Amino acid sequence: MSSGTNKKAQAKKKKSKLRAPDDPNELSSEEKRRRKFLSRFFTAMFVIPGFFGALITIWGYFSPPFTTISLDDSVQLKNVFFGGNPWLLTCEPYKGQEVNSIFSGLSSLGSGQYKLGVINCELPMPASGKSIIERFKLNKQKKYSRNNLAFTVANGGKPKVVPSFYFSALNQQNNKKKKKKKKQLDTGTLIKNLDEYVTKKVSVRYGKVINGAQLTKQCLSKGSAGIVLVEGEPSLTTTSTIERLAQTYRTVWFCVVDRTKYSFSLEKKFPQLKENMEDGDGKLILFRKKKQKKMTESEDEISEKKGSKKKKDDILMVRQLNEVISTSTNVMEFMEKTMAKQDGYYLMEALRKKPTLRYRKKGGKNKNKNKIQKNKNKKDKKDKSTKTQKKENRPKRKKKATPPPPFDTPANSDTSDNKPTREQLEKEAQRRRRMDQEAQAHYAQAADNDEEDYDDDVEEDDEVEVYEEEEEEDDDVDDEDTIEL
């Protein structure tokens, strides 16, 4: 019996070893490796992010969600207040108090388009000896309140105070113009309102310049500015390029000028600016102000003696890009080299006068010809009206008196029988001489009067012409008057 059972067990083992090669339940070595790799990959994909997320939450719990700015670190202060990056800063709370929860909540619920920082507003700064509030005159701005004081710094501009009602639900309800039922605002709504306000304040702004005053205030008065001369309305590629430059170089103030409506005085200095462009394209001109060196003590004494001690103005430097910004590949390199702290000045040229902006003429020569013709027509009409008035006001001339007959003869008398005597002939001759003299004197006086009237007409006409020419010249000057910056 034992031998029979052993034979059956050996037969089962052989059958288990001898399987068909195409059995679907059997897994190959390659499939086993692929399944192991996928299982490890999915476990890592779910486990590792969760692990790092836990670390971040732990780090955020033990570390503050904002940067503490030290007054002793001058490099950090320059980067915050003059670097151009957007910041929302608040003053350190008094001892035993915590930072406002709305301010700290911006780190998790905010848009993330600006950085958060806390700084001591009471201690004096090492360079100036003034506190932050005194240095930037925060207490003189509207809606200033020392409680929950926060201010924005961005784009190289001065710090601006954030209204204090953004940190209190009750103040926000009282600040609304329309009276509604009071509803308690939750913390999330308060954080959202503050985030929208700060995002709007620190955003980069640029726009069109329509007159010389805006050109001076928005561009040339800044430390560095860029003017884009556009052919008509800027295209999408030109607009996107300007936005990219403004986001990268936040301390540069960009302005857009329509070249078809306004002429720029630097077009004479840079003839490339007059070259034809397609509609929507633009060319870039960069400006920087260079401070002049301070005068020595000897130079100060000399200037005081001469009485000409004046504050020297900054030198305005300029450089232009010869290519169209929408198609140029060297725009960023051009900006980087030109905006270098010291080396950029060597690539720029100094200007003696500030650039000007004026309106372009419409019509050109044809318009001037039409204007001259209209002025001539007006002058002719005026001359005709003055002459007709003079003729109407001129006194009427007396008719010539008809001389009497040589001698009176009765109607019924016969002249053939009655011959004139010698005395009658002499009297008749004297009377004719006297009449001839009176007629000559009358004709001479009438001629003199005519000449005087003619001279008056000529003088009055000349005066009218000169006045009209002066008016025309004044009108031309007003049309073409440049706006000094």
Protein backbone atom coordinates (compact mmCIF):
# COMPACT_ATOMS: atom_id res chain seq x y z
CA MET A 1 0.00 0.00 0.00
CA SER A 2 2.77 2.38 0.77
CA SER A 3 4.32 1.93 -2.63
CA GLY A 4 0.97 2.77 -4.31
CA THR A 5 0.48 5.97 -2.35
CA ASN A 6 4.02 7.12 -3.14
CA LYS A 7 3.45 6.64 -6.85
CA LYS A 8 0.25 8.73 -6.75
CA ALA A 9 1.99 11.62 -4.93
CA GLN A 10 4.85 11.61 -7.44
CA ALA A 11 2.36 11.71 -10.33
CA LYS A 12 0.63 14.81 -8.83
CA LYS A 13 3.94 16.60 -8.48
CA LYS A 14 4.79 15.92 -12.12
CA LYS A 15 1.39 17.26 -13.25
CA SER A 16 1.85 20.46 -11.20
CA LYS A 17 5.25 21.03 -12.82
CA LEU A 18 4.11 20.25 -16.34
CA ARG A 19 1.78 23.23 -17.08
CA ALA A 20 0.93 24.61 -20.45
CA PRO A 21 3.04 27.67 -21.39
CA ASP A 22 -0.01 29.66 -22.51
CA ASP A 23 -1.90 29.42 -19.21
CA PRO A 24 -3.51 32.89 -18.51
CA ASN A 25 -3.22 32.56 -14.73
CA GLU A 26 0.58 32.45 -14.89
CA LEU A 27 2.53 35.83 -14.49
CA SER A 28 5.82 36.47 -16.19
CA SER A 29 8.80 38.09 -14.50
CA GLU A 30 8.41 41.36 -16.48
CA GLU A 31 4.78 41.74 -15.39
CA LYS A 32 5.73 41.17 -11.80
CA ARG A 33 8.38 43.91 -12.01
CA ARG A 34 5.92 46.37 -13.63
CA ARG A 35 3.32 45.75 -10.92
CA LYS A 36 5.84 46.31 -8.17
CA PHE A 37 6.95 49.62 -9.77
CA LEU A 38 3.37 50.91 -10.11
CA SER A 39 2.50 50.01 -6.55
CA ARG A 40 5.56 51.83 -5.22
CA PHE A 41 4.90 54.86 -7.45
CA PHE A 42 1.31 55.34 -6.30
CA THR A 43 2.22 54.90 -2.67
CA ALA A 44 4.95 57.54 -3.02
CA MET A 45 2.62 59.90 -4.88
CA PHE A 46 0.10 59.90 -2.04
CA VAL A 47 2.39 59.56 0.93
CA ILE A 48 5.14 62.07 0.10
CA PRO A 49 2.84 65.12 -0.52
CA GLY A 50 0.96 64.37 2.65
CA PHE A 51 4.23 64.21 4.54
CA PHE A 52 5.44 67.54 3.18
CA GLY A 53 2.01 69.09 3.78
CA ALA A 54 2.22 68.03 7.40
CA LEU A 55 5.67 69.58 7.67
CA ILE A 56 4.39 72.85 6.17
CA THR A 57 1.48 73.02 8.59
CA ILE A 58 3.79 72.34 11.50
CA TRP A 59 6.24 74.99 10.27
CA GLY A 60 3.42 77.50 9.78
CA TYR A 61 2.11 76.81 13.25
CA PHE A 62 5.43 77.42 14.98
CA SER A 63 6.74 80.19 12.62
CA PRO A 64 4.94 83.52 11.90
CA PRO A 65 3.31 83.99 8.46
CA PHE A 66 5.12 87.30 7.88
CA THR A 67 8.66 88.66 7.72
CA THR A 68 10.07 90.65 10.61
CA ILE A 69 12.10 93.58 9.24
CA SER A 70 15.04 94.77 11.29
CA LEU A 71 15.92 98.46 11.46
CA ASP A 72 19.61 97.62 11.77
CA ASP A 73 19.72 95.86 8.38
CA SER A 74 20.16 98.73 5.88
CA VAL A 75 20.20 96.40 2.86
CA GLN A 76 16.87 94.88 3.82
CA LEU A 77 15.35 98.33 4.41
CA LYS A 78 16.45 99.57 0.97
CA ASN A 79 15.04 96.51 -0.73
CA VAL A 80 11.70 96.88 1.05
CA PHE A 81 11.15 100.64 0.69
CA PHE A 82 12.99 101.35 -2.58
CA GLY A 83 13.27 98.01 -4.37
CA GLY A 84 9.89 98.26 -6.09
CA ASN A 85 8.51 94.91 -4.87
CA PRO A 86 4.99 95.04 -3.37
CA TRP A 87 4.77 94.88 0.41
CA LEU A 88 2.06 95.23 3.04
CA LEU A 89 3.67 96.30 6.32
CA THR A 90 2.22 96.75 9.77
CA CYS A 91 3.69 98.11 12.98
CA GLU A 92 4.76 95.77 15.73
CA PRO A 93 2.03 95.52 18.38
CA TYR A 94 2.58 96.71 21.90
CA LYS A 95 3.94 94.33 24.52
CA GLY A 96 1.60 91.55 25.41
CA GLN A 97 -0.46 91.93 22.24
CA GLU A 98 -0.56 89.91 19.05
CA VAL A 99 -0.60 90.93 15.40
CA ASN A 100 -4.07 91.51 14.01
CA SER A 101 -5.65 88.21 12.95
CA ILE A 102 -6.93 89.74 9.71
CA PHE A 103 -3.40 90.78 8.74
CA SER A 104 -1.90 87.40 9.57
CA GLY A 105 -4.77 85.61 7.77
CA LEU A 106 -3.68 87.10 4.45
CA SER A 107 -0.82 84.59 4.30
CA SER A 108 -3.22 81.70 3.75
CA LEU A 109 -6.32 83.32 2.21
CA GLY A 110 -4.73 86.21 0.29
CA SER A 111 -3.90 86.44 -3.40
CA GLY A 112 -0.16 86.17 -2.77
CA GLN A 113 0.66 89.13 -5.05
CA TYR A 114 2.50 90.96 -2.27
CA LYS A 115 4.63 90.16 0.76
CA LEU A 116 3.72 90.66 4.41
CA GLY A 117 6.06 92.28 6.91
CA VAL A 118 6.15 93.61 10.46
CA ILE A 119 8.38 96.53 11.45
CA ASN A 120 8.94 98.60 14.56
CA CYS A 121 7.42 102.03 13.90
CA GLU A 122 8.53 103.67 17.16
CA LEU A 123 12.31 103.20 17.20
CA PRO A 124 14.49 105.68 15.24
CA MET A 125 16.17 104.54 12.07
CA PRO A 126 20.00 104.51 12.19
CA ALA A 127 20.54 106.64 9.08
CA SER A 128 18.07 109.51 9.60
CA GLY A 129 17.34 109.24 13.31
CA LYS A 130 13.59 109.37 12.61
CA SER A 131 10.97 106.72 13.10
CA ILE A 132 9.13 105.10 10.22
CA ILE A 133 6.06 107.29 10.85
CA GLU A 134 8.13 110.50 10.86
CA ARG A 135 10.39 109.51 7.97
CA PHE A 136 7.53 108.82 5.52
CA LYS A 137 4.97 111.21 7.13
CA LEU A 138 2.38 108.50 7.68
CA ASN A 139 0.62 110.51 10.39
CA LYS A 140 -0.16 113.29 7.86
CA GLN A 141 -2.05 111.02 5.50
CA LYS A 142 -5.80 110.62 5.44
CA LYS A 143 -7.52 107.89 7.50
CA TYR A 144 -4.43 107.50 9.70
CA SER A 145 -4.85 105.61 12.96
CA ARG A 146 -2.07 104.27 15.17
CA ASN A 147 -4.25 101.31 16.16
CA ASN A 148 -3.91 98.61 13.51
CA LEU A 149 -1.60 100.82 11.43
CA ALA A 150 -0.69 99.20 8.10
CA PHE A 151 0.71 100.69 4.89
CA THR A 152 1.60 99.55 1.39
CA VAL A 153 4.96 100.00 -0.36
CA ALA A 154 5.28 99.19 -4.07
CA ASN A 155 6.71 100.27 -7.43
CA GLY A 156 9.24 102.68 -5.94
CA GLY A 157 6.51 105.01 -4.64
CA LYS A 158 5.93 106.46 -1.20
CA PRO A 159 4.24 104.36 1.49
CA LYS A 160 0.44 104.72 1.60
CA VAL A 161 -1.64 104.15 4.73
CA VAL A 162 -4.36 101.48 4.63
CA PRO A 163 -7.63 102.76 6.18
CA SER A 164 -8.10 101.30 9.63
CA PHE A 165 -11.72 100.25 9.02
CA TYR A 166 -10.45 97.30 6.95
CA PHE A 167 -9.33 95.69 10.22
CA SER A 168 -12.66 95.99 12.04
CA ALA A 169 -16.08 94.63 11.10
CA LEU A 170 -17.94 97.40 12.95
CA ASN A 171 -16.03 100.18 11.20
CA GLN A 172 -16.65 98.60 7.79
CA GLN A 173 -20.39 98.55 8.48
CA ASN A 174 -20.36 102.21 9.56
CA ASN A 175 -18.28 103.18 6.53
CA LYS A 176 -20.94 102.06 4.05
CA LYS A 177 -22.99 104.86 2.48
CA LYS A 178 -26.28 102.97 2.29
CA LYS A 179 -27.87 102.13 5.61
CA LYS A 180 -28.73 98.46 5.83
CA LYS A 181 -29.37 96.01 8.56
CA LYS A 182 -26.21 95.27 10.48
CA LYS A 183 -24.76 91.88 9.74
CA GLN A 184 -21.78 90.51 11.55
CA LEU A 185 -18.97 90.05 9.00
CA ASP A 186 -16.88 86.94 9.43
CA THR A 187 -13.09 86.91 9.37
CA GLY A 188 -12.94 85.43 5.88
CA THR A 189 -14.93 88.34 4.42
CA LEU A 190 -12.73 90.88 6.18
CA ILE A 191 -9.58 89.23 4.86
CA LYS A 192 -11.05 89.16 1.34
CA ASN A 193 -11.92 92.89 1.45
CA LEU A 194 -8.44 93.80 2.68
CA ASP A 195 -6.79 91.60 0.06
CA GLU A 196 -8.76 93.22 -2.78
CA TYR A 197 -7.83 96.70 -1.56
CA VAL A 198 -4.12 95.96 -1.20
CA THR A 199 -3.94 94.12 -4.55
CA LYS A 200 -5.42 97.14 -6.30
CA LYS A 201 -3.02 99.56 -4.60
CA VAL A 202 0.19 97.65 -5.33
CA SER A 203 -0.65 96.76 -8.94
CA VAL A 204 1.47 98.18 -11.76
CA ARG A 205 -0.14 101.10 -13.57
CA TYR A 206 0.63 102.65 -16.93
CA GLY A 207 -1.50 104.57 -19.37
CA LYS A 208 -1.72 107.06 -22.21
CA VAL A 209 -0.34 110.58 -22.02
CA ILE A 210 -2.55 113.23 -23.64
CA ASN A 211 -0.76 116.49 -22.74
CA GLY A 212 2.53 117.91 -21.55
CA ALA A 213 1.46 118.17 -17.92
CA GLN A 214 0.80 114.44 -17.69
CA LEU A 215 4.11 113.70 -19.43
CA THR A 216 5.96 115.71 -16.77
CA LYS A 217 4.03 114.42 -13.76
CA GLN A 218 3.74 110.75 -14.64
CA CYS A 219 7.03 110.17 -16.46
CA LEU A 220 9.76 112.80 -16.53
CA SER A 221 9.43 113.78 -12.85
CA LYS A 222 10.25 110.21 -11.77
CA GLY A 223 13.71 108.83 -11.19
CA SER A 224 13.42 106.54 -14.21
CA ALA A 225 10.72 106.36 -16.86
CA GLY A 226 9.98 104.75 -20.21
CA ILE A 227 7.96 106.37 -23.01
CA VAL A 228 6.51 104.16 -25.75
CA LEU A 229 5.65 105.98 -29.00
CA VAL A 230 2.83 103.95 -30.55
CA GLU A 231 1.42 104.16 -34.05
CA GLY A 232 -2.24 104.68 -33.16
CA GLU A 233 -3.78 102.25 -30.69
CA PRO A 234 -1.33 99.67 -29.22
CA SER A 235 -1.76 96.11 -30.45
CA LEU A 236 -2.10 93.08 -28.20
CA THR A 237 1.56 92.12 -28.58
CA THR A 238 2.67 95.67 -27.78
CA THR A 239 0.40 95.81 -24.73
CA SER A 240 1.63 92.45 -23.43
CA THR A 241 5.26 93.55 -23.90
CA ILE A 242 4.65 96.75 -21.94
CA GLU A 243 2.96 94.79 -19.14
CA ARG A 244 5.86 92.34 -18.98
CA LEU A 245 8.38 95.19 -18.77
CA ALA A 246 6.33 96.97 -16.11
CA GLN A 247 6.09 93.82 -13.98
CA THR A 248 9.82 93.09 -14.29
CA TYR A 249 11.06 96.66 -13.76
CA ARG A 250 8.60 98.01 -11.22
CA THR A 251 10.57 101.18 -10.45
CA VAL A 252 10.31 102.36 -14.07
CA TRP A 253 7.17 104.39 -14.85
CA PHE A 254 5.92 103.57 -18.35
CA CYS A 255 3.82 105.97 -20.43
CA VAL A 256 2.23 105.53 -23.86
CA VAL A 257 2.07 108.35 -26.44
CA ASP A 258 0.07 108.19 -29.68
CA ARG A 259 2.55 109.20 -32.38
CA THR A 260 -0.20 109.99 -34.89
CA LYS A 261 -1.71 112.71 -32.66
CA TYR A 262 1.32 114.13 -30.86
CA SER A 263 4.84 115.02 -31.97
CA PHE A 264 7.76 114.46 -29.61
CA SER A 265 10.64 116.95 -29.58
CA LEU A 266 13.25 114.16 -29.48
CA GLU A 267 12.24 113.08 -33.00
CA LYS A 268 14.81 115.60 -34.30
CA LYS A 269 17.54 114.13 -32.10
CA PHE A 270 16.67 110.52 -32.95
CA PRO A 271 15.57 110.27 -36.61
CA GLN A 272 14.77 106.57 -36.10
CA LEU A 273 11.63 107.63 -34.24
CA LYS A 274 10.21 109.04 -37.49
CA GLU A 275 10.50 105.77 -39.34
CA ASN A 276 7.26 104.21 -40.54
CA MET A 277 5.70 101.52 -38.37
CA GLU A 278 2.68 99.31 -38.69
CA ASP A 279 -0.47 100.15 -36.77
CA GLY A 280 -0.16 99.16 -33.12
CA ASP A 281 3.66 98.96 -33.03
CA GLY A 282 5.74 101.11 -30.71
CA LYS A 283 9.28 102.24 -29.95
CA LEU A 284 10.79 102.61 -26.49
CA ILE A 285 12.72 105.57 -25.03
CA LEU A 286 14.24 105.33 -21.52
CA PHE A 287 14.92 108.27 -19.20
CA ARG A 288 16.96 108.38 -16.01
CA LYS A 289 17.88 111.21 -13.67
CA LYS A 290 21.52 111.52 -12.70
CA LYS A 291 22.34 113.51 -9.58
CA GLN A 292 25.10 116.07 -9.92
CA LYS A 293 28.09 115.98 -7.63
CA LYS A 294 27.99 118.10 -4.51
CA MET A 295 30.03 121.28 -4.52
CA THR A 296 33.15 121.50 -2.38
CA GLU A 297 33.61 124.13 0.32
CA SER A 298 35.76 126.34 -1.92
CA GLU A 299 33.17 126.21 -4.70
CA ASP A 300 30.43 127.07 -2.19
CA GLU A 301 32.37 130.12 -1.04
CA ILE A 302 32.92 131.28 -4.62
CA SER A 303 29.24 130.84 -5.48
CA GLU A 304 28.21 132.74 -2.31
CA LYS A 305 30.48 135.65 -3.26
CA LYS A 306 29.00 135.78 -6.73
CA GLY A 307 25.51 135.50 -5.29
CA SER A 308 24.59 132.61 -7.56
CA LYS A 309 24.18 129.81 -5.06
CA LYS A 310 21.41 127.64 -6.52
CA LYS A 311 20.43 124.05 -6.12
CA LYS A 312 21.63 122.09 -9.11
CA ASP A 313 18.98 120.19 -10.98
CA ASP A 314 19.41 116.53 -11.84
CA ILE A 315 20.71 115.71 -15.32
CA LEU A 316 18.15 113.97 -17.52
CA MET A 317 19.71 111.06 -19.42
CA VAL A 318 18.09 109.36 -22.41
CA ARG A 319 18.54 106.25 -24.55
CA GLN A 320 16.27 104.82 -27.25
CA LEU A 321 15.72 101.34 -28.66
CA ASN A 322 16.00 101.34 -32.46
CA GLU A 323 13.75 98.30 -32.87
CA VAL A 324 10.02 97.81 -32.47
CA ILE A 325 9.36 96.40 -28.98
CA SER A 326 6.71 93.90 -30.14
CA THR A 327 9.13 92.10 -32.49
CA SER A 328 12.49 92.84 -30.87
CA THR A 329 14.39 90.10 -29.08
CA ASN A 330 16.76 92.51 -27.30
CA VAL A 331 14.23 94.39 -25.19
CA MET A 332 15.09 92.73 -21.88
CA GLU A 333 18.83 93.00 -22.56
CA PHE A 334 18.38 96.67 -23.46
CA MET A 335 16.50 97.29 -20.21
CA GLU A 336 19.00 95.38 -18.09
CA LYS A 337 22.04 97.24 -19.44
CA THR A 338 20.41 100.67 -19.38
CA MET A 339 19.02 100.29 -15.85
CA ALA A 340 22.34 99.15 -14.38
CA LYS A 341 23.15 101.26 -11.32
CA GLN A 342 26.30 102.98 -12.61
CA ASP A 343 27.23 101.44 -15.95
CA GLY A 344 23.87 102.33 -17.46
CA TYR A 345 24.69 106.06 -17.45
CA TYR A 346 27.61 105.52 -19.82
CA LEU A 347 25.23 104.16 -22.47
CA MET A 348 22.91 107.19 -22.25
CA GLU A 349 23.07 110.77 -23.51
CA ALA A 350 22.48 113.93 -21.49
CA LEU A 351 19.74 116.34 -22.52
CA ARG A 352 20.10 120.11 -22.27
CA LYS A 353 16.36 120.78 -22.38
CA LYS A 354 13.38 118.82 -21.20
CA PRO A 355 11.44 117.09 -23.99
CA THR A 356 8.22 118.73 -25.16
CA LEU A 357 4.99 117.37 -26.54
CA ARG A 358 2.64 119.15 -28.95
CA TYR A 359 -0.29 118.36 -31.19
CA ARG A 360 0.35 117.43 -34.78
CA LYS A 361 -1.22 119.49 -37.60
CA LYS A 362 -3.98 117.90 -39.61
CA GLY A 363 -4.04 118.58 -43.34
CA GLY A 364 -0.49 119.88 -43.76
CA LYS A 365 0.10 122.32 -46.63
CA ASN A 366 -3.42 122.08 -48.01
CA LYS A 367 -4.79 123.28 -44.72
CA ASN A 368 -2.47 126.30 -44.74
CA LYS A 369 -3.48 127.17 -48.30
CA ASN A 370 -7.17 126.99 -47.43
CA LYS A 371 -6.58 129.13 -44.39
CA ILE A 372 -4.75 131.80 -46.42
CA GLN A 373 -7.51 131.83 -49.04
CA LYS A 374 -10.19 132.25 -46.36
CA ASN A 375 -8.28 135.13 -44.81
CA LYS A 376 -7.97 136.83 -48.21
CA ASN A 377 -11.69 136.48 -48.82
CA LYS A 378 -12.44 137.98 -45.42
CA LYS A 379 -10.08 140.87 -46.15
CA ASP A 380 -11.72 141.57 -49.54
CA LYS A 381 -15.19 141.60 -47.99
CA LYS A 382 -14.02 143.95 -45.27
CA ASP A 383 -12.44 146.31 -47.81
CA LYS A 384 -15.62 146.42 -49.86
CA SER A 385 -17.76 147.14 -46.81
CA THR A 386 -15.47 149.99 -45.68
CA LYS A 387 -15.44 151.56 -49.16
CA THR A 388 -19.23 151.43 -49.46
CA GLN A 389 -19.57 153.06 -46.03
CA LYS A 390 -17.18 155.85 -47.05
CA LYS A 391 -19.11 156.48 -50.23
CA GLU A 392 -22.35 156.72 -48.32
CA ASN A 393 -20.86 159.09 -45.73
CA ARG A 394 -19.08 161.28 -48.32
CA PRO A 395 -20.84 164.67 -48.85
CA LYS A 396 -22.53 165.23 -52.21
CA ARG A 397 -20.79 167.54 -54.68
CA LYS A 398 -22.52 170.70 -55.82
CA LYS A 399 -23.57 170.93 -59.44
CA LYS A 400 -21.80 173.47 -61.64
CA ALA A 401 -23.69 176.74 -61.99
CA THR A 402 -24.61 177.45 -65.59
CA PRO A 403 -23.24 180.86 -66.62
CA PRO A 404 -25.83 183.49 -67.60
CA PRO A 405 -26.08 184.59 -71.19
CA PRO A 406 -23.49 187.12 -72.39
CA PHE A 407 -25.95 189.95 -72.10
CA ASP A 408 -29.57 190.21 -71.40
CA THR A 409 -31.76 190.93 -74.35
CA PRO A 410 -35.41 191.30 -74.14
CA ALA A 411 -37.42 188.49 -75.61
CA ASN A 412 -39.24 190.61 -78.07
CA SER A 413 -36.27 192.77 -78.96
CA ASP A 414 -34.58 192.57 -82.30
CA THR A 415 -30.83 192.05 -81.90
CA SER A 416 -30.09 192.95 -85.40
CA ASP A 417 -31.29 196.56 -84.91
CA ASN A 418 -29.83 197.08 -81.34
CA LYS A 419 -25.98 196.59 -81.47
CA PRO A 420 -24.00 196.45 -78.12
CA THR A 421 -22.00 199.50 -77.23
CA ARG A 422 -18.35 199.57 -76.27
CA GLU A 423 -19.08 199.91 -72.57
CA GLN A 424 -21.36 196.85 -72.65
CA LEU A 425 -18.67 194.81 -74.37
CA GLU A 426 -16.05 195.74 -71.70
CA LYS A 427 -18.47 194.92 -68.86
CA GLU A 428 -19.24 191.58 -70.51
CA ALA A 429 -15.52 190.76 -70.83
CA GLN A 430 -14.89 191.60 -67.15
CA ARG A 431 -17.85 189.46 -66.07
CA ARG A 432 -16.52 186.48 -68.10
CA ARG A 433 -13.03 186.83 -66.58
CA ARG A 434 -14.48 186.91 -63.08
CA MET A 435 -16.61 183.79 -63.78
CA ASP A 436 -13.58 181.98 -65.24
CA GLN A 437 -11.55 182.69 -62.09
CA GLU A 438 -14.35 181.51 -59.81
CA ALA A 439 -14.76 178.31 -61.87
CA GLN A 440 -11.00 177.57 -61.74
CA ALA A 441 -10.93 178.06 -57.95
CA HIS A 442 -13.97 175.81 -57.55
CA TYR A 443 -12.42 173.04 -59.68
CA ALA A 444 -9.11 173.22 -57.76
CA GLN A 445 -10.85 172.92 -54.38
CA ALA A 446 -12.90 169.94 -55.61
CA ALA A 447 -9.73 168.17 -56.82
CA ASP A 448 -8.02 168.72 -53.45
CA ASN A 449 -11.01 167.24 -51.63
CA ASP A 450 -10.95 164.16 -53.87
CA GLU A 451 -7.24 163.59 -53.19
CA GLU A 452 -7.74 163.87 -49.40
CA ASP A 453 -10.61 161.33 -49.54
CA TYR A 454 -8.47 158.95 -51.56
CA ASP A 455 -5.56 159.26 -49.12
CA ASP A 456 -7.88 158.55 -46.19
CA ASP A 457 -9.21 155.46 -47.95
CA VAL A 458 -5.71 154.17 -48.60
CA GLU A 459 -4.54 154.74 -45.01
CA GLU A 460 -7.58 153.07 -43.49
CA ASP A 461 -7.26 150.09 -45.83
CA ASP A 462 -3.59 149.71 -44.93
CA GLU A 463 -4.40 149.72 -41.23
CA VAL A 464 -7.03 147.03 -41.65
CA GLU A 465 -4.65 144.81 -43.57
CA VAL A 466 -1.91 145.08 -40.94
CA TYR A 467 -4.32 144.27 -38.10
CA GLU A 468 -5.70 141.29 -39.94
CA GLU A 469 -2.20 139.95 -40.64
CA GLU A 470 -1.32 140.26 -36.97
CA GLU A 471 -4.48 138.37 -36.01
CA GLU A 472 -3.61 135.63 -38.47
CA GLU A 473 -0.10 135.30 -37.05
CA ASP A 474 -1.49 135.04 -33.50
CA ASP A 475 -3.91 132.32 -34.57
CA ASP A 476 -1.08 130.34 -36.15
CA VAL A 477 1.01 130.59 -33.01
CA ASP A 478 -1.88 129.38 -30.83
CA ASP A 479 -2.43 126.36 -33.06
CA GLU A 480 1.23 125.39 -33.10
CA ASP A 481 2.10 126.39 -29.54
CA THR A 482 4.28 123.83 -27.82
CA ILE A 483 3.69 122.75 -24.23
CA GLU A 484 6.84 123.30 -22.19
CA LEU A 485 7.51 120.63 -19.60
